[in-house]
Amino acid sequence: NLEKKMGFYIPPAPISTPQRKRVQSPFITEFERFE
């Protein structure tokens, strides 16, 4: 609003966050890990 009143407001560039692909690992019980 301050910059708009003074006449030099420039909208900031949008922040792009890369989408991380979630890889679902198979469920392993403690017994299977020990085995």
All heavy atoms as atom14 arrays in JSON, in Angstrom:
{
  "sequence": "NLEKKMGFYIPPAPISTPQRKRVQSPFITEFERFE",
  "atom14_mask": [
    [1, 1, 1, 1, 1, 1, 1, 1, 0, 0, 0, 0, 0, 0],
    [1, 1, 1, 1, 1, 1, 1, 1, 0, 0, 0, 0, 0, 0],
    [1, 1, 1, 1, 1, 1, 1, 1, 1, 0, 0, 0, 0, 0],
    [1, 1, 1, 1, 1, 1, 1, 1, 1, 0, 0, 0, 0, 0],
    [1, 1, 1, 1, 1, 1, 1, 1, 1, 0, 0, 0, 0, 0],
    [1, 1, 1, 1, 1, 1, 1, 1, 0, 0, 0, 0, 0, 0],
    [1, 1, 1, 1, 0, 0, 0, 0, 0, 0, 0, 0, 0, 0],
    [1, 1, 1, 1, 1, 1, 1, 1, 1, 1, 1, 0, 0, 0],
    [1, 1, 1, 1, 1, 1, 1, 1, 1, 1, 1, 1, 0, 0],
    [1, 1, 1, 1, 1, 1, 1, 1, 0, 0, 0, 0, 0, 0],
    [1, 1, 1, 1, 1, 1, 1, 0, 0, 0, 0, 0, 0, 0],
    [1, 1, 1, 1, 1, 1, 1, 0, 0, 0, 0, 0, 0, 0],
    [1, 1, 1, 1, 1, 0, 0, 0, 0, 0, 0, 0, 0, 0],
    [1, 1, 1, 1, 1, 1, 1, 0, 0, 0, 0, 0, 0, 0],
    [1, 1, 1, 1, 1, 1, 1, 1, 0, 0, 0, 0, 0, 0],
    [1, 1, 1, 1, 1, 1, 0, 0, 0, 0, 0, 0, 0, 0],
    [1, 1, 1, 1, 1, 1, 1, 0, 0, 0, 0, 0, 0, 0],
    [1, 1, 1, 1, 1, 1, 1, 0, 0, 0, 0, 0, 0, 0],
    [1, 1, 1, 1, 1, 1, 1, 1, 1, 0, 0, 0, 0, 0],
    [1, 1, 1, 1, 1, 1, 1, 1, 1, 1, 1, 0, 0, 0],
    [1, 1, 1, 1, 1, 1, 1, 1, 1, 0, 0, 0, 0, 0],
    [1, 1, 1, 1, 1, 1, 1, 1, 1, 1, 1, 0, 0, 0],
    [1, 1, 1, 1, 1, 1, 1, 0, 0, 0, 0, 0, 0, 0],
    [1, 1, 1, 1, 1, 1, 1, 1, 1, 0, 0, 0, 0, 0],
    [1, 1, 1, 1, 1, 1, 0, 0, 0, 0, 0, 0, 0, 0],
    [1, 1, 1, 1, 1, 1, 1, 0, 0, 0, 0, 0, 0, 0],
    [1, 1, 1, 1, 1, 1, 1, 1, 1, 1, 1, 0, 0, 0],
    [1, 1, 1, 1, 1, 1, 1, 1, 0, 0, 0, 0, 0, 0],
    [1, 1, 1, 1, 1, 1, 1, 0, 0, 0, 0, 0, 0, 0],
    [1, 1, 1, 1, 1, 1, 1, 1, 1, 0, 0, 0, 0, 0],
    [1, 1, 1, 1, 1, 1, 1, 1, 1, 1, 1, 0, 0, 0],
    [1, 1, 1, 1, 1, 1, 1, 1, 1, 0, 0, 0, 0, 0],
    [1, 1, 1, 1, 1, 1, 1, 1, 1, 1, 1, 0, 0, 0],
    [1, 1, 1, 1, 1, 1, 1, 1, 1, 1, 1, 0, 0, 0],
    [1, 1, 1, 1, 1, 1, 1, 1, 1, 0, 0, 0, 0, 0]
  ],
  "atom14_positions": [
    [[0.82, -1.21, 0.0], [0.0, 0.0, 0.0], [0.86, 1.27, 0.0], [0.49, 2.28, -0.62], [-0.94, -0.01, 1.2], [-1.93, -1.14, 1.15], [-2.31, -1.58, 0.06], [-2.36, -1.64, 2.29], [0.0, 0.0, 0.0], [0.0, 0.0, 0.0], [0.0, 0.0, 0.0], [0.0, 0.0, 0.0], [0.0, 0.0, 0.0], [0.0, 0.0, 0.0]],
    [[1.99, 1.23, 0.7], [2.89, 2.39, 0.69], [3.41, 2.66, -0.72], [3.42, 3.81, -1.19], [4.05, 2.16, 1.66], [3.73, 2.17, 3.16], [4.94, 1.74, 3.96], [3.26, 3.56, 3.61], [0.0, 0.0, 0.0], [0.0, 0.0, 0.0], [0.0, 0.0, 0.0], [0.0, 0.0, 0.0], [0.0, 0.0, 0.0], [0.0, 0.0, 0.0]],
    [[3.86, 1.6, -1.4], [4.4, 1.78, -2.75], [3.32, 2.18, -3.74], [3.58, 2.93, -4.69], [5.08, 0.49, -3.18], [6.36, 0.17, -2.41], [7.02, -1.11, -2.86], [6.36, -1.9, -3.58], [8.19, -1.33, -2.51], [0.0, 0.0, 0.0], [0.0, 0.0, 0.0], [0.0, 0.0, 0.0], [0.0, 0.0, 0.0], [0.0, 0.0, 0.0]],
    [[2.09, 1.69, -3.54], [1.01, 2.08, -4.44], [0.71, 3.57, -4.32], [0.43, 4.24, -5.32], [-0.24, 1.26, -4.13], [-0.2, -0.16, -4.67], [-1.48, -0.9, -4.35], [-1.46, -2.31, -4.95], [-2.69, -3.08, -4.64], [0.0, 0.0, 0.0], [0.0, 0.0, 0.0], [0.0, 0.0, 0.0], [0.0, 0.0, 0.0], [0.0, 0.0, 0.0]],
    [[0.75, 4.08, -3.1], [0.47, 5.51, -2.91], [1.57, 6.38, -3.51], [1.31, 7.49, -3.96], [0.32, 5.82, -1.42], [-0.94, 5.26, -0.8], [-1.24, 5.88, 0.54], [-1.68, 7.32, 0.39], [-2.11, 7.93, 1.67], [0.0, 0.0, 0.0], [0.0, 0.0, 0.0], [0.0, 0.0, 0.0], [0.0, 0.0, 0.0], [0.0, 0.0, 0.0]],
    [[2.82, 5.84, -3.52], [3.94, 6.62, -4.1], [4.09, 6.38, -5.6], [4.83, 7.08, -6.26], [5.24, 6.29, -3.35], [5.27, 6.84, -1.94], [6.79, 6.5, -1.03], [6.57, 4.78, -0.58], [0.0, 0.0, 0.0], [0.0, 0.0, 0.0], [0.0, 0.0, 0.0], [0.0, 0.0, 0.0], [0.0, 0.0, 0.0], [0.0, 0.0, 0.0]],
    [[3.43, 5.34, -6.12], [3.37, 5.15, -7.56], [4.45, 4.29, -8.16], [4.63, 4.32, -9.39], [0.0, 0.0, 0.0], [0.0, 0.0, 0.0], [0.0, 0.0, 0.0], [0.0, 0.0, 0.0], [0.0, 0.0, 0.0], [0.0, 0.0, 0.0], [0.0, 0.0, 0.0], [0.0, 0.0, 0.0], [0.0, 0.0, 0.0], [0.0, 0.0, 0.0]],
    [[5.2, 3.5, -7.38], [6.23, 2.63, -7.98], [6.07, 1.18, -7.52], [7.05, 0.44, -7.42], [7.64, 3.14, -7.66], [7.96, 3.27, -6.19], [8.47, 2.2, -5.47], [7.73, 4.47, -5.53], [8.77, 2.32, -4.13], [8.03, 4.6, -4.18], [8.55, 3.52, -3.47], [0.0, 0.0, 0.0], [0.0, 0.0, 0.0], [0.0, 0.0, 0.0]],
    [[4.85, 0.77, -7.28], [4.62, -0.61, -6.83], [4.75, -1.58, -8.0], [4.19, -1.38, -9.08], [3.23, -0.74, -6.21], [2.83, -2.17, -5.91], [3.44, -2.86, -4.86], [1.88, -2.82, -6.67], [3.09, -4.18, -4.59], [1.51, -4.13, -6.38], [2.12, -4.8, -5.35], [1.76, -6.1, -5.08], [0.0, 0.0, 0.0], [0.0, 0.0, 0.0]],
    [[5.52, -2.64, -7.77], [5.68, -3.73, -8.74], [5.34, -5.03, -8.03], [5.96, -5.35, -7.01], [7.12, -3.79, -9.3], [7.47, -2.47, -10.0], [7.27, -4.97, -10.24], [8.9, -2.41, -10.51], [0.0, 0.0, 0.0], [0.0, 0.0, 0.0], [0.0, 0.0, 0.0], [0.0, 0.0, 0.0], [0.0, 0.0, 0.0], [0.0, 0.0, 0.0]],
    [[4.36, -5.79, -8.52], [4.01, -7.05, -7.83], [5.2, -8.0, -7.78], [5.92, -8.15, -8.78], [2.87, -7.62, -8.7], [2.34, -6.45, -9.46], [3.52, -5.54, -9.69], [0.0, 0.0, 0.0], [0.0, 0.0, 0.0], [0.0, 0.0, 0.0], [0.0, 0.0, 0.0], [0.0, 0.0, 0.0], [0.0, 0.0, 0.0], [0.0, 0.0, 0.0]],
    [[5.45, -8.63, -6.65], [6.57, -9.57, -6.56], [6.3, -10.83, -7.36], [5.14, -11.2, -7.59], [6.66, -9.87, -5.05], [5.28, -9.62, -4.54], [4.73, -8.5, -5.37], [0.0, 0.0, 0.0], [0.0, 0.0, 0.0], [0.0, 0.0, 0.0], [0.0, 0.0, 0.0], [0.0, 0.0, 0.0], [0.0, 0.0, 0.0], [0.0, 0.0, 0.0]],
    [[7.38, -11.44, -7.8], [7.25, -12.68, -8.58], [6.7, -13.78, -7.67], [7.07, -13.88, -6.5], [8.61, -13.09, -9.14], [0.0, 0.0, 0.0], [0.0, 0.0, 0.0], [0.0, 0.0, 0.0], [0.0, 0.0, 0.0], [0.0, 0.0, 0.0], [0.0, 0.0, 0.0], [0.0, 0.0, 0.0], [0.0, 0.0, 0.0], [0.0, 0.0, 0.0]],
    [[5.81, -14.61, -8.2], [5.26, -15.69, -7.36], [6.33, -16.7, -6.97], [7.24, -17.0, -7.74], [4.19, -16.33, -8.27], [4.61, -15.97, -9.66], [5.27, -14.63, -9.57], [0.0, 0.0, 0.0], [0.0, 0.0, 0.0], [0.0, 0.0, 0.0], [0.0, 0.0, 0.0], [0.0, 0.0, 0.0], [0.0, 0.0, 0.0], [0.0, 0.0, 0.0]],
    [[6.21, -17.19, -5.78], [7.16, -18.19, -5.27], [6.72, -19.56, -5.75], [5.59, -20.01, -5.48], [7.21, -18.16, -3.73], [7.66, -16.77, -3.25], [8.16, -19.24, -3.2], [7.65, -16.62, -1.75], [0.0, 0.0, 0.0], [0.0, 0.0, 0.0], [0.0, 0.0, 0.0], [0.0, 0.0, 0.0], [0.0, 0.0, 0.0], [0.0, 0.0, 0.0]],
    [[7.59, -20.19, -6.52], [7.28, -21.52, -7.04], [8.05, -22.56, -6.24], [9.28, -22.53, -6.17], [7.65, -21.62, -8.52], [9.04, -21.36, -8.69], [0.0, 0.0, 0.0], [0.0, 0.0, 0.0], [0.0, 0.0, 0.0], [0.0, 0.0, 0.0], [0.0, 0.0, 0.0], [0.0, 0.0, 0.0], [0.0, 0.0, 0.0], [0.0, 0.0, 0.0]],
    [[7.33, -23.44, -5.63], [7.94, -24.53, -4.86], [7.76, -25.83, -5.63], [6.63, -26.2, -5.98], [7.28, -24.65, -3.48], [5.86, -24.81, -3.65], [7.54, -23.4, -2.67], [0.0, 0.0, 0.0], [0.0, 0.0, 0.0], [0.0, 0.0, 0.0], [0.0, 0.0, 0.0], [0.0, 0.0, 0.0], [0.0, 0.0, 0.0], [0.0, 0.0, 0.0]],
    [[8.85, -26.52, -5.95], [8.72, -27.78, -6.71], [7.96, -28.83, -5.91], [8.16, -28.98, -4.71], [10.18, -28.2, -6.95], [10.96, -27.51, -5.88], [10.24, -26.24, -5.59], [0.0, 0.0, 0.0], [0.0, 0.0, 0.0], [0.0, 0.0, 0.0], [0.0, 0.0, 0.0], [0.0, 0.0, 0.0], [0.0, 0.0, 0.0], [0.0, 0.0, 0.0]],
    [[7.09, -29.53, -6.62], [6.32, -30.59, -5.99], [7.19, -31.84, -5.85], [7.71, -32.36, -6.84], [5.07, -30.91, -6.83], [4.08, -29.76, -6.91], [3.28, -29.62, -5.64], [3.18, -30.55, -4.86], [2.72, -28.44, -5.43], [0.0, 0.0, 0.0], [0.0, 0.0, 0.0], [0.0, 0.0, 0.0], [0.0, 0.0, 0.0], [0.0, 0.0, 0.0]],
    [[7.31, -32.29, -4.63], [8.07, -33.52, -4.39], [7.16, -34.73, -4.48], [6.09, -34.76, -3.87], [8.71, -33.47, -3.0], [9.83, -32.45, -2.88], [10.53, -32.58, -1.55], [11.64, -31.66, -1.42], [12.44, -31.61, -0.36], [12.22, -32.42, 0.66], [13.44, -30.74, -0.32], [0.0, 0.0, 0.0], [0.0, 0.0, 0.0], [0.0, 0.0, 0.0]],
    [[7.59, -35.69, -5.27], [6.82, -36.91, -5.42], [7.08, -37.83, -4.23], [8.21, -38.2, -3.94], [7.21, -37.63, -6.71], [6.31, -38.81, -7.03], [6.67, -39.43, -8.37], [5.76, -40.6, -8.67], [6.1, -41.24, -9.97], [0.0, 0.0, 0.0], [0.0, 0.0, 0.0], [0.0, 0.0, 0.0], [0.0, 0.0, 0.0], [0.0, 0.0, 0.0]],
    [[6.01, -38.12, -3.53], [6.13, -38.96, -2.34], [6.12, -40.43, -2.76], [5.2, -40.91, -3.43], [4.99, -38.68, -1.37], [4.98, -37.27, -0.84], [3.87, -37.07, 0.15], [4.06, -37.93, 1.32], [3.2, -37.99, 2.33], [2.11, -37.24, 2.31], [3.42, -38.79, 3.35], [0.0, 0.0, 0.0], [0.0, 0.0, 0.0], [0.0, 0.0, 0.0]],
    [[7.15, -41.13, -2.35], [7.25, -42.56, -2.63], [6.89, -43.3, -1.34], [7.55, -43.14, -0.31], [8.68, -42.94, -3.09], [8.75, -44.43, -3.36], [9.05, -42.13, -4.33], [0.0, 0.0, 0.0], [0.0, 0.0, 0.0], [0.0, 0.0, 0.0], [0.0, 0.0, 0.0], [0.0, 0.0, 0.0], [0.0, 0.0, 0.0], [0.0, 0.0, 0.0]],
    [[5.84, -44.11, -1.44], [5.37, -44.83, -0.27], [6.11, -46.16, -0.15], [6.02, -47.02, -1.02], [3.86, -45.07, -0.36], [3.26, -45.59, 0.92], [1.75, -45.6, 0.84], [1.2, -45.36, -0.22], [1.11, -45.88, 1.95], [0.0, 0.0, 0.0], [0.0, 0.0, 0.0], [0.0, 0.0, 0.0], [0.0, 0.0, 0.0], [0.0, 0.0, 0.0]],
    [[6.88, -46.29, 0.9], [7.64, -47.51, 1.11], [6.74, -48.57, 1.75], [5.83, -48.25, 2.51], [8.84, -47.25, 2.03], [8.4, -46.72, 3.26], [0.0, 0.0, 0.0], [0.0, 0.0, 0.0], [0.0, 0.0, 0.0], [0.0, 0.0, 0.0], [0.0, 0.0, 0.0], [0.0, 0.0, 0.0], [0.0, 0.0, 0.0], [0.0, 0.0, 0.0]],
    [[6.97, -49.84, 1.43], [6.13, -50.9, 2.01], [6.32, -50.98, 3.52], [7.41, -50.72, 4.04], [6.63, -52.17, 1.31], [8.01, -51.83, 0.85], [7.99, -50.37, 0.52], [0.0, 0.0, 0.0], [0.0, 0.0, 0.0], [0.0, 0.0, 0.0], [0.0, 0.0, 0.0], [0.0, 0.0, 0.0], [0.0, 0.0, 0.0], [0.0, 0.0, 0.0]],
    [[5.25, -51.34, 4.21], [5.29, -51.42, 5.66], [6.01, -52.71, 6.07], [5.71, -53.8, 5.59], [3.86, -51.43, 6.22], [3.82, -51.44, 7.72], [3.96, -50.27, 8.44], [3.66, -52.63, 8.42], [3.92, -50.28, 9.82], [3.63, -52.65, 9.79], [3.75, -51.46, 10.49], [0.0, 0.0, 0.0], [0.0, 0.0, 0.0], [0.0, 0.0, 0.0]],
    [[7.0, -52.6, 6.97], [7.78, -53.75, 7.45], [7.7, -53.76, 8.97], [7.99, -52.76, 9.63], [9.26, -53.67, 7.0], [9.34, -53.62, 5.47], [10.05, -54.86, 7.53], [10.74, -53.46, 4.95], [0.0, 0.0, 0.0], [0.0, 0.0, 0.0], [0.0, 0.0, 0.0], [0.0, 0.0, 0.0], [0.0, 0.0, 0.0], [0.0, 0.0, 0.0]],
    [[7.29, -54.88, 9.52], [7.2, -54.99, 10.97], [8.59, -55.2, 11.56], [9.57, -55.5, 10.85], [6.3, -56.17, 11.36], [6.89, -57.38, 10.86], [4.91, -56.02, 10.75], [0.0, 0.0, 0.0], [0.0, 0.0, 0.0], [0.0, 0.0, 0.0], [0.0, 0.0, 0.0], [0.0, 0.0, 0.0], [0.0, 0.0, 0.0], [0.0, 0.0, 0.0]],
    [[8.67, -55.04, 12.88], [9.93, -55.25, 13.57], [10.37, -56.71, 13.43], [11.56, -57.01, 13.31], [9.79, -54.88, 15.05], [9.63, -53.38, 15.29], [10.88, -52.61, 14.9], [11.98, -53.18, 15.0], [10.75, -51.46, 14.46], [0.0, 0.0, 0.0], [0.0, 0.0, 0.0], [0.0, 0.0, 0.0], [0.0, 0.0, 0.0], [0.0, 0.0, 0.0]],
    [[9.43, -57.63, 13.45], [9.78, -59.06, 13.32], [10.36, -59.35, 11.94], [11.36, -60.07, 11.81], [8.55, -59.92, 13.57], [8.78, -61.37, 13.24], [9.54, -62.17, 14.08], [8.28, -61.92, 12.08], [9.76, -63.49, 13.78], [8.5, -63.26, 11.78], [9.24, -64.05, 12.63], [0.0, 0.0, 0.0], [0.0, 0.0, 0.0], [0.0, 0.0, 0.0]],
    [[9.75, -58.81, 10.89], [10.26, -59.04, 9.54], [11.65, -58.44, 9.37], [12.51, -59.03, 8.7], [9.29, -58.43, 8.53], [7.95, -59.15, 8.47], [6.93, -58.4, 7.63], [7.14, -57.19, 7.39], [5.93, -59.01, 7.24], [0.0, 0.0, 0.0], [0.0, 0.0, 0.0], [0.0, 0.0, 0.0], [0.0, 0.0, 0.0], [0.0, 0.0, 0.0]],
    [[11.87, -57.29, 9.99], [13.2, -56.69, 9.92], [14.24, -57.55, 10.65], [15.35, -57.76, 10.17], [13.15, -55.28, 10.52], [14.44, -54.49, 10.3], [14.34, -53.1, 10.86], [13.4, -52.28, 10.1], [12.22, -51.9, 10.53], [11.82, -52.25, 11.76], [11.43, -51.15, 9.8], [0.0, 0.0, 0.0], [0.0, 0.0, 0.0], [0.0, 0.0, 0.0]],
    [[13.87, -58.07, 11.84], [14.78, -58.93, 12.59], [15.02, -60.24, 11.84], [16.14, -60.75, 11.81], [14.19, -59.22, 13.97], [15.03, -60.17, 14.79], [16.12, -59.71, 15.52], [14.75, -61.53, 14.81], [16.89, -60.58, 16.25], [15.52, -62.4, 15.54], [16.59, -61.93, 16.27], [0.0, 0.0, 0.0], [0.0, 0.0, 0.0], [0.0, 0.0, 0.0]],
    [[13.96, -60.79, 11.26], [14.08, -62.06, 10.54], [15.07, -61.94, 9.39], [15.92, -62.82, 9.18], [12.7, -62.47, 10.03], [12.69, -63.84, 9.34], [11.31, -64.15, 8.81], [10.61, -63.21, 8.36], [10.92, -65.32, 8.83], [0.0, 0.0, 0.0], [0.0, 0.0, 0.0], [0.0, 0.0, 0.0], [0.0, 0.0, 0.0], [0.0, 0.0, 0.0]]
  ]
}
